[in-house]
Amino acid sequence: MKKIFLAALTAMALCSYSYAQDDDDEYEDEAPAASSAPAQSSSPAAQPAAAPAQSGAGFMGLGLDLQQTFGAGIPTFYLTFRIAPNMELSAILGLVHQGESSTEFKAGGEADGNDDATALTFGVGFDFIAAQMLLPVLVGGEIVINHLGEDNNRFDLNLLAGFRANPVANFYITGKAGLAFMYNTSEDANAEYSRLNFGFKTQIQLHWFFM
């Protein structure tokens, strides 16, 4: 009986050792598989695509002052540069020439009026897009020198604010209002004259940015 008990105990011990050995082999098989698994990609997330350029993002354009050109003033053009997304700098140029009057008398003879003159305007303008409401709000000014004929000049300082519309790409319609200060000088054979005027000023401009 004692021999049978010892044999059974020995058999149980051998079975336990065999089972433990099988578990160790299985763990060793799984460990290399886990270590050989591919590492997760650490590449950065894809960057979002850049936003498209806004309509009307030209750098240089031509402008026209409708009131000066088609009113009683000197036809005035603007060469405008966009120096920042919300800033513009303009060169202002206007030119008109008045020819000399000639009179022919019915009784005979002619006379010249000696009244020919060239009016020239040149200056600089600045606009700052201060806010964006329903339309962009512009604040700016102009310094303009007007040569209105021999010994007749005018210095203008315009302080203006207004709104701008962009109906199509690179084309703008701008309406402004503000104050204008005008210093006039002239002279004749006897004296020199000067005066300072000021008042309200309105302006309507067309701009086309072609570059």
C-alpha atoms as a PDB file:
ATOM      1  CA  MET A   1       0.000   0.000   0.000  1.00  0.00           C
ATOM      2  CA  LYS A   2       2.852   2.273   0.861  1.00  0.00           C
ATOM      3  CA  LYS A   3       4.472   1.573  -2.509  1.00  0.00           C
ATOM      4  CA  ILE A   4       1.238   2.412  -4.329  1.00  0.00           C
ATOM      5  CA  PHE A   5       0.950   5.737  -2.457  1.00  0.00           C
ATOM      6  CA  LEU A   6       4.567   6.681  -3.264  1.00  0.00           C
ATOM      7  CA  ALA A   7       4.044   5.805  -6.931  1.00  0.00           C
ATOM      8  CA  ALA A   8       0.914   8.000  -7.105  1.00  0.00           C
ATOM      9  CA  LEU A   9       2.690  10.911  -5.427  1.00  0.00           C
ATOM     10  CA  THR A  10       5.628  10.609  -7.827  1.00  0.00           C
ATOM     11  CA  ALA A  11       3.281  10.605 -10.819  1.00  0.00           C
ATOM     12  CA  MET A  12       1.503  13.760  -9.595  1.00  0.00           C
ATOM     13  CA  ALA A  13       4.818  15.547  -9.116  1.00  0.00           C
ATOM     14  CA  LEU A  14       5.934  14.665 -12.650  1.00  0.00           C
ATOM     15  CA  CYS A  15       2.629  15.893 -14.106  1.00  0.00           C
ATOM     16  CA  SER A  16       2.907  19.223 -12.234  1.00  0.00           C
ATOM     17  CA  TYR A  17       6.469  19.760 -13.497  1.00  0.00           C
ATOM     18  CA  SER A  18       5.454  18.973 -17.068  1.00  0.00           C
ATOM     19  CA  TYR A  19       2.539  21.457 -16.940  1.00  0.00           C
ATOM     20  CA  ALA A  20       4.740  24.225 -15.546  1.00  0.00           C
ATOM     21  CA  GLN A  21       7.309  23.593 -18.277  1.00  0.00           C
ATOM     22  CA  ASP A  22       4.596  23.913 -20.965  1.00  0.00           C
ATOM     23  CA  ASP A  23       3.502  27.308 -19.532  1.00  0.00           C
ATOM     24  CA  ASP A  24       7.075  28.617 -19.652  1.00  0.00           C
ATOM     25  CA  ASP A  25       7.460  27.577 -23.284  1.00  0.00           C
ATOM     26  CA  GLU A  26       4.177  29.305 -24.253  1.00  0.00           C
ATOM     27  CA  TYR A  27       5.230  32.574 -22.544  1.00  0.00           C
ATOM     28  CA  GLU A  28       8.584  32.526 -24.344  1.00  0.00           C
ATOM     29  CA  ASP A  29       6.768  32.044 -27.678  1.00  0.00           C
ATOM     30  CA  GLU A  30       4.462  35.045 -27.087  1.00  0.00           C
ATOM     31  CA  ALA A  31       7.182  37.444 -25.902  1.00  0.00           C
ATOM     32  CA  PRO A  32       9.131  37.569 -29.210  1.00  0.00           C
ATOM     33  CA  ALA A  33       5.882  38.028 -31.104  1.00  0.00           C
ATOM     34  CA  ALA A  34       4.998  41.055 -28.992  1.00  0.00           C
ATOM     35  CA  SER A  35       8.480  42.556 -29.307  1.00  0.00           C
ATOM     36  CA  SER A  36       8.526  42.054 -33.077  1.00  0.00           C
ATOM     37  CA  ALA A  37       5.180  43.835 -33.636  1.00  0.00           C
ATOM     38  CA  PRO A  38       5.584  47.018 -35.737  1.00  0.00           C
ATOM     39  CA  ALA A  39       5.805  50.246 -33.728  1.00  0.00           C
ATOM     40  CA  GLN A  40       2.961  52.727 -34.096  1.00  0.00           C
ATOM     41  CA  SER A  41       3.633  55.533 -36.509  1.00  0.00           C
ATOM     42  CA  SER A  42       4.826  58.700 -34.806  1.00  0.00           C
ATOM     43  CA  SER A  43       4.550  60.936 -37.872  1.00  0.00           C
ATOM     44  CA  PRO A  44       2.791  64.274 -37.227  1.00  0.00           C
ATOM     45  CA  ALA A  45      -0.831  64.706 -38.193  1.00  0.00           C
ATOM     46  CA  ALA A  46      -1.455  65.965 -41.680  1.00  0.00           C
ATOM     47  CA  GLN A  47      -1.490  69.755 -41.841  1.00  0.00           C
ATOM     48  CA  PRO A  48      -4.698  71.433 -43.055  1.00  0.00           C
ATOM     49  CA  ALA A  49      -4.580  72.918 -46.528  1.00  0.00           C
ATOM     50  CA  ALA A  50      -3.869  76.637 -46.747  1.00  0.00           C
ATOM     51  CA  ALA A  51      -6.867  78.897 -47.173  1.00  0.00           C
ATOM     52  CA  PRO A  52      -7.314  80.270 -50.698  1.00  0.00           C
ATOM     53  CA  ALA A  53      -6.326  83.847 -51.367  1.00  0.00           C
ATOM     54  CA  GLN A  54      -9.137  86.327 -50.919  1.00  0.00           C
ATOM     55  CA  SER A  55     -10.736  88.040 -53.860  1.00  0.00           C
ATOM     56  CA  GLY A  56      -9.208  91.382 -54.697  1.00  0.00           C
ATOM     57  CA  ALA A  57      -5.729  90.789 -53.263  1.00  0.00           C
ATOM     58  CA  GLY A  58      -3.792  92.774 -55.891  1.00  0.00           C
ATOM     59  CA  PHE A  59      -0.700  94.800 -54.980  1.00  0.00           C
ATOM     60  CA  MET A  60      -0.841  97.733 -57.442  1.00  0.00           C
ATOM     61  CA  GLY A  61      -3.819  99.415 -59.044  1.00  0.00           C
ATOM     62  CA  LEU A  62      -5.179 102.444 -60.884  1.00  0.00           C
ATOM     63  CA  GLY A  63      -7.851 104.692 -59.429  1.00  0.00           C
ATOM     64  CA  LEU A  64     -10.087 107.479 -60.724  1.00  0.00           C
ATOM     65  CA  ASP A  65     -11.780 110.274 -58.776  1.00  0.00           C
ATOM     66  CA  LEU A  66     -15.199 110.474 -60.419  1.00  0.00           C
ATOM     67  CA  GLN A  67     -16.197 113.821 -58.910  1.00  0.00           C
ATOM     68  CA  GLN A  68     -12.993 115.591 -59.882  1.00  0.00           C
ATOM     69  CA  THR A  69     -12.873 114.043 -63.340  1.00  0.00           C
ATOM     70  CA  PHE A  70     -16.487 114.566 -64.388  1.00  0.00           C
ATOM     71  CA  GLY A  71     -17.205 117.622 -62.250  1.00  0.00           C
ATOM     72  CA  ALA A  72     -15.625 121.044 -62.363  1.00  0.00           C
ATOM     73  CA  GLY A  73     -12.275 119.907 -61.003  1.00  0.00           C
ATOM     74  CA  ILE A  74      -9.094 118.599 -62.556  1.00  0.00           C
ATOM     75  CA  PRO A  75      -9.276 114.996 -63.861  1.00  0.00           C
ATOM     76  CA  THR A  76      -7.470 113.088 -61.119  1.00  0.00           C
ATOM     77  CA  PHE A  77      -5.929 109.619 -61.202  1.00  0.00           C
ATOM     78  CA  TYR A  78      -4.442 107.456 -58.449  1.00  0.00           C
ATOM     79  CA  LEU A  79      -1.596 104.967 -58.652  1.00  0.00           C
ATOM     80  CA  THR A  80      -2.231 102.905 -55.525  1.00  0.00           C
ATOM     81  CA  PHE A  81       0.048 100.428 -53.772  1.00  0.00           C
ATOM     82  CA  ARG A  82      -1.184  98.010 -51.120  1.00  0.00           C
ATOM     83  CA  ILE A  83       1.710  98.136 -48.673  1.00  0.00           C
ATOM     84  CA  ALA A  84      -0.068  95.908 -46.109  1.00  0.00           C
ATOM     85  CA  PRO A  85      -3.343  93.947 -46.042  1.00  0.00           C
ATOM     86  CA  ASN A  86      -5.071  96.937 -44.415  1.00  0.00           C
ATOM     87  CA  MET A  87      -2.964  99.864 -45.709  1.00  0.00           C
ATOM     88  CA  GLU A  88      -2.742 101.613 -49.077  1.00  0.00           C
ATOM     89  CA  LEU A  89      -0.499 104.418 -50.336  1.00  0.00           C
ATOM     90  CA  SER A  90      -1.413 106.393 -53.467  1.00  0.00           C
ATOM     91  CA  ALA A  91       0.365 108.760 -55.815  1.00  0.00           C
ATOM     92  CA  ILE A  92      -2.118 111.383 -57.069  1.00  0.00           C
ATOM     93  CA  LEU A  93      -1.844 113.010 -60.484  1.00  0.00           C
ATOM     94  CA  GLY A  94      -4.151 115.325 -62.406  1.00  0.00           C
ATOM     95  CA  LEU A  95      -3.639 117.343 -65.564  1.00  0.00           C
ATOM     96  CA  VAL A  96      -5.714 119.663 -67.741  1.00  0.00           C
ATOM     97  CA  HIS A  97      -4.633 122.273 -70.269  1.00  0.00           C
ATOM     98  CA  GLN A  98      -6.713 125.297 -71.229  1.00  0.00           C
ATOM     99  CA  GLY A  99      -5.914 126.599 -74.669  1.00  0.00           C
ATOM    100  CA  GLU A 100      -5.579 130.231 -75.608  1.00  0.00           C
ATOM    101  CA  SER A 101      -8.723 132.074 -76.657  1.00  0.00           C
ATOM    102  CA  SER A 102      -8.786 133.729 -80.063  1.00  0.00           C
ATOM    103  CA  THR A 103     -11.282 136.410 -81.120  1.00  0.00           C
ATOM    104  CA  GLU A 104     -12.106 137.357 -84.688  1.00  0.00           C
ATOM    105  CA  PHE A 105     -14.006 140.612 -85.083  1.00  0.00           C
ATOM    106  CA  LYS A 106     -16.716 140.947 -87.718  1.00  0.00           C
ATOM    107  CA  ALA A 107     -15.431 144.380 -88.593  1.00  0.00           C
ATOM    108  CA  GLY A 108     -12.064 142.826 -89.237  1.00  0.00           C
ATOM    109  CA  GLY A 109      -9.049 141.874 -87.228  1.00  0.00           C
ATOM    110  CA  GLU A 110      -8.193 139.254 -84.608  1.00  0.00           C
ATOM    111  CA  ALA A 111      -7.066 139.260 -81.013  1.00  0.00           C
ATOM    112  CA  ASP A 112      -5.545 136.596 -78.787  1.00  0.00           C
ATOM    113  CA  GLY A 113      -6.718 136.264 -75.223  1.00  0.00           C
ATOM    114  CA  ASN A 114      -3.352 135.265 -73.728  1.00  0.00           C
ATOM    115  CA  ASP A 115      -5.328 133.102 -71.315  1.00  0.00           C
ATOM    116  CA  ASP A 116      -3.807 129.699 -71.965  1.00  0.00           C
ATOM    117  CA  ALA A 117      -2.916 127.803 -68.799  1.00  0.00           C
ATOM    118  CA  THR A 118      -2.013 124.340 -67.598  1.00  0.00           C
ATOM    119  CA  ALA A 119      -3.451 123.032 -64.354  1.00  0.00           C
ATOM    120  CA  LEU A 120      -1.431 120.315 -62.655  1.00  0.00           C
ATOM    121  CA  THR A 121      -2.243 118.300 -59.546  1.00  0.00           C
ATOM    122  CA  PHE A 122       0.150 116.015 -57.702  1.00  0.00           C
ATOM    123  CA  GLY A 123       0.214 114.611 -54.204  1.00  0.00           C
ATOM    124  CA  VAL A 124       0.017 111.560 -51.970  1.00  0.00           C
ATOM    125  CA  GLY A 125      -2.855 109.780 -50.279  1.00  0.00           C
ATOM    126  CA  PHE A 126      -3.102 107.232 -47.488  1.00  0.00           C
ATOM    127  CA  ASP A 127      -5.910 104.852 -46.544  1.00  0.00           C
ATOM    128  CA  PHE A 128      -6.196 102.560 -43.540  1.00  0.00           C
ATOM    129  CA  ILE A 129      -8.897  99.884 -43.308  1.00  0.00           C
ATOM    130  CA  ALA A 130      -9.908 100.510 -39.705  1.00  0.00           C
ATOM    131  CA  ALA A 131     -12.802  98.071 -39.313  1.00  0.00           C
ATOM    132  CA  GLN A 132     -14.958  95.528 -41.118  1.00  0.00           C
ATOM    133  CA  MET A 133     -18.701  95.964 -40.637  1.00  0.00           C
ATOM    134  CA  LEU A 134     -21.121  95.371 -43.482  1.00  0.00           C
ATOM    135  CA  LEU A 135     -18.415  96.928 -45.687  1.00  0.00           C
ATOM    136  CA  PRO A 136     -14.758  97.796 -44.999  1.00  0.00           C
ATOM    137  CA  VAL A 137     -14.399 101.156 -43.210  1.00  0.00           C
ATOM    138  CA  LEU A 138     -11.541 103.336 -44.491  1.00  0.00           C
ATOM    139  CA  VAL A 139      -9.865 106.251 -42.714  1.00  0.00           C
ATOM    140  CA  GLY A 140      -7.227 108.327 -44.453  1.00  0.00           C
ATOM    141  CA  GLY A 141      -6.072 111.581 -45.902  1.00  0.00           C
ATOM    142  CA  GLU A 142      -4.526 113.363 -48.865  1.00  0.00           C
ATOM    143  CA  ILE A 143      -1.933 116.077 -49.325  1.00  0.00           C
ATOM    144  CA  VAL A 144      -2.282 117.657 -52.774  1.00  0.00           C
ATOM    145  CA  ILE A 145      -0.533 120.553 -54.506  1.00  0.00           C
ATOM    146  CA  ASN A 146      -2.489 122.209 -57.321  1.00  0.00           C
ATOM    147  CA  HIS A 147      -0.774 124.449 -59.843  1.00  0.00           C
ATOM    148  CA  LEU A 148      -3.725 126.264 -61.405  1.00  0.00           C
ATOM    149  CA  GLY A 149      -1.879 128.482 -63.817  1.00  0.00           C
ATOM    150  CA  GLU A 150       0.864 131.055 -63.712  1.00  0.00           C
ATOM    151  CA  ASP A 151       1.327 132.404 -60.170  1.00  0.00           C
ATOM    152  CA  ASN A 152      -1.822 130.647 -58.963  1.00  0.00           C
ATOM    153  CA  ASN A 153      -1.475 127.688 -56.605  1.00  0.00           C
ATOM    154  CA  ARG A 154      -3.504 125.808 -54.021  1.00  0.00           C
ATOM    155  CA  PHE A 155      -2.432 123.448 -51.246  1.00  0.00           C
ATOM    156  CA  ASP A 156      -5.078 120.893 -50.165  1.00  0.00           C
ATOM    157  CA  LEU A 157      -5.277 118.793 -47.015  1.00  0.00           C
ATOM    158  CA  ASN A 158      -8.162 116.307 -47.063  1.00  0.00           C
ATOM    159  CA  LEU A 159      -9.183 114.198 -44.054  1.00  0.00           C
ATOM    160  CA  LEU A 160     -11.618 111.529 -45.216  1.00  0.00           C
ATOM    161  CA  ALA A 161     -13.412 108.395 -44.055  1.00  0.00           C
ATOM    162  CA  GLY A 162     -15.821 106.119 -45.870  1.00  0.00           C
ATOM    163  CA  PHE A 163     -16.871 102.696 -47.070  1.00  0.00           C
ATOM    164  CA  ARG A 164     -15.617 100.401 -49.822  1.00  0.00           C
ATOM    165  CA  ALA A 165     -17.412  97.767 -51.873  1.00  0.00           C
ATOM    166  CA  ASN A 166     -15.757  94.947 -53.829  1.00  0.00           C
ATOM    167  CA  PRO A 167     -18.335  93.869 -56.470  1.00  0.00           C
ATOM    168  CA  VAL A 168     -15.841  91.741 -58.437  1.00  0.00           C
ATOM    169  CA  ALA A 169     -12.288  90.539 -57.858  1.00  0.00           C
ATOM    170  CA  ASN A 170      -9.707  93.359 -57.751  1.00  0.00           C
ATOM    171  CA  PHE A 171     -12.298  96.093 -58.489  1.00  0.00           C
ATOM    172  CA  TYR A 172     -13.405  98.531 -55.774  1.00  0.00           C
ATOM    173  CA  ILE A 173     -15.920 101.351 -55.398  1.00  0.00           C
ATOM    174  CA  THR A 174     -15.112 103.721 -52.544  1.00  0.00           C
ATOM    175  CA  GLY A 175     -17.244 106.530 -51.136  1.00  0.00           C
ATOM    176  CA  LYS A 176     -15.714 109.016 -48.692  1.00  0.00           C
ATOM    177  CA  ALA A 177     -16.652 112.161 -46.802  1.00  0.00           C
ATOM    178  CA  GLY A 178     -14.726 114.472 -44.521  1.00  0.00           C
ATOM    179  CA  LEU A 179     -13.065 117.859 -44.194  1.00  0.00           C
ATOM    180  CA  ALA A 180     -10.974 119.737 -46.745  1.00  0.00           C
ATOM    181  CA  PHE A 181      -8.551 122.581 -46.011  1.00  0.00           C
ATOM    182  CA  MET A 182      -7.464 124.667 -49.019  1.00  0.00           C
ATOM    183  CA  TYR A 183      -4.718 127.287 -48.888  1.00  0.00           C
ATOM    184  CA  ASN A 184      -4.684 129.491 -51.995  1.00  0.00           C
ATOM    185  CA  THR A 185      -1.882 131.755 -53.180  1.00  0.00           C
ATOM    186  CA  SER A 186      -1.686 134.014 -56.229  1.00  0.00           C
ATOM    187  CA  GLU A 187       0.013 137.173 -57.361  1.00  0.00           C
ATOM    188  CA  ASP A 188      -0.133 139.817 -60.023  1.00  0.00           C
ATOM    189  CA  ALA A 189       1.995 142.797 -60.959  1.00  0.00           C
ATOM    190  CA  ASN A 190       0.818 144.765 -57.941  1.00  0.00           C
ATOM    191  CA  ALA A 191       0.454 142.337 -55.006  1.00  0.00           C
ATOM    192  CA  GLU A 192       0.461 138.827 -53.624  1.00  0.00           C
ATOM    193  CA  TYR A 193      -2.720 137.235 -52.306  1.00  0.00           C
ATOM    194  CA  SER A 194      -3.479 134.287 -50.029  1.00  0.00           C
ATOM    195  CA  ARG A 195      -6.464 132.816 -48.215  1.00  0.00           C
ATOM    196  CA  LEU A 196      -7.467 129.689 -46.312  1.00  0.00           C
ATOM    197  CA  ASN A 197     -10.739 127.923 -47.067  1.00  0.00           C
ATOM    198  CA  PHE A 198     -12.210 124.843 -45.410  1.00  0.00           C
ATOM    199  CA  GLY A 199     -15.398 122.859 -45.693  1.00  0.00           C
ATOM    200  CA  PHE A 200     -16.959 119.467 -46.221  1.00  0.00           C
ATOM    201  CA  LYS A 201     -15.681 117.239 -49.004  1.00  0.00           C
ATOM    202  CA  THR A 202     -17.074 114.120 -50.639  1.00  0.00           C
ATOM    203  CA  GLN A 203     -15.280 111.720 -52.924  1.00  0.00           C
ATOM    204  CA  ILE A 204     -16.213 108.733 -55.072  1.00  0.00           C
ATOM    205  CA  GLN A 205     -13.369 106.590 -56.402  1.00  0.00           C
ATOM    206  CA  LEU A 206     -13.029 103.577 -58.662  1.00  0.00           C
ATOM    207  CA  HIS A 207      -9.993 101.314 -58.242  1.00  0.00           C
ATOM    208  CA  TRP A 208      -8.791  98.369 -60.290  1.00  0.00           C
ATOM    209  CA  PHE A 209      -5.856  96.365 -58.920  1.00  0.00           C
ATOM    210  CA  PHE A 210      -4.230  94.793 -61.975  1.00  0.00           C
ATOM    211  CA  MET A 211      -1.058  93.413 -60.324  1.00  0.00           C
END
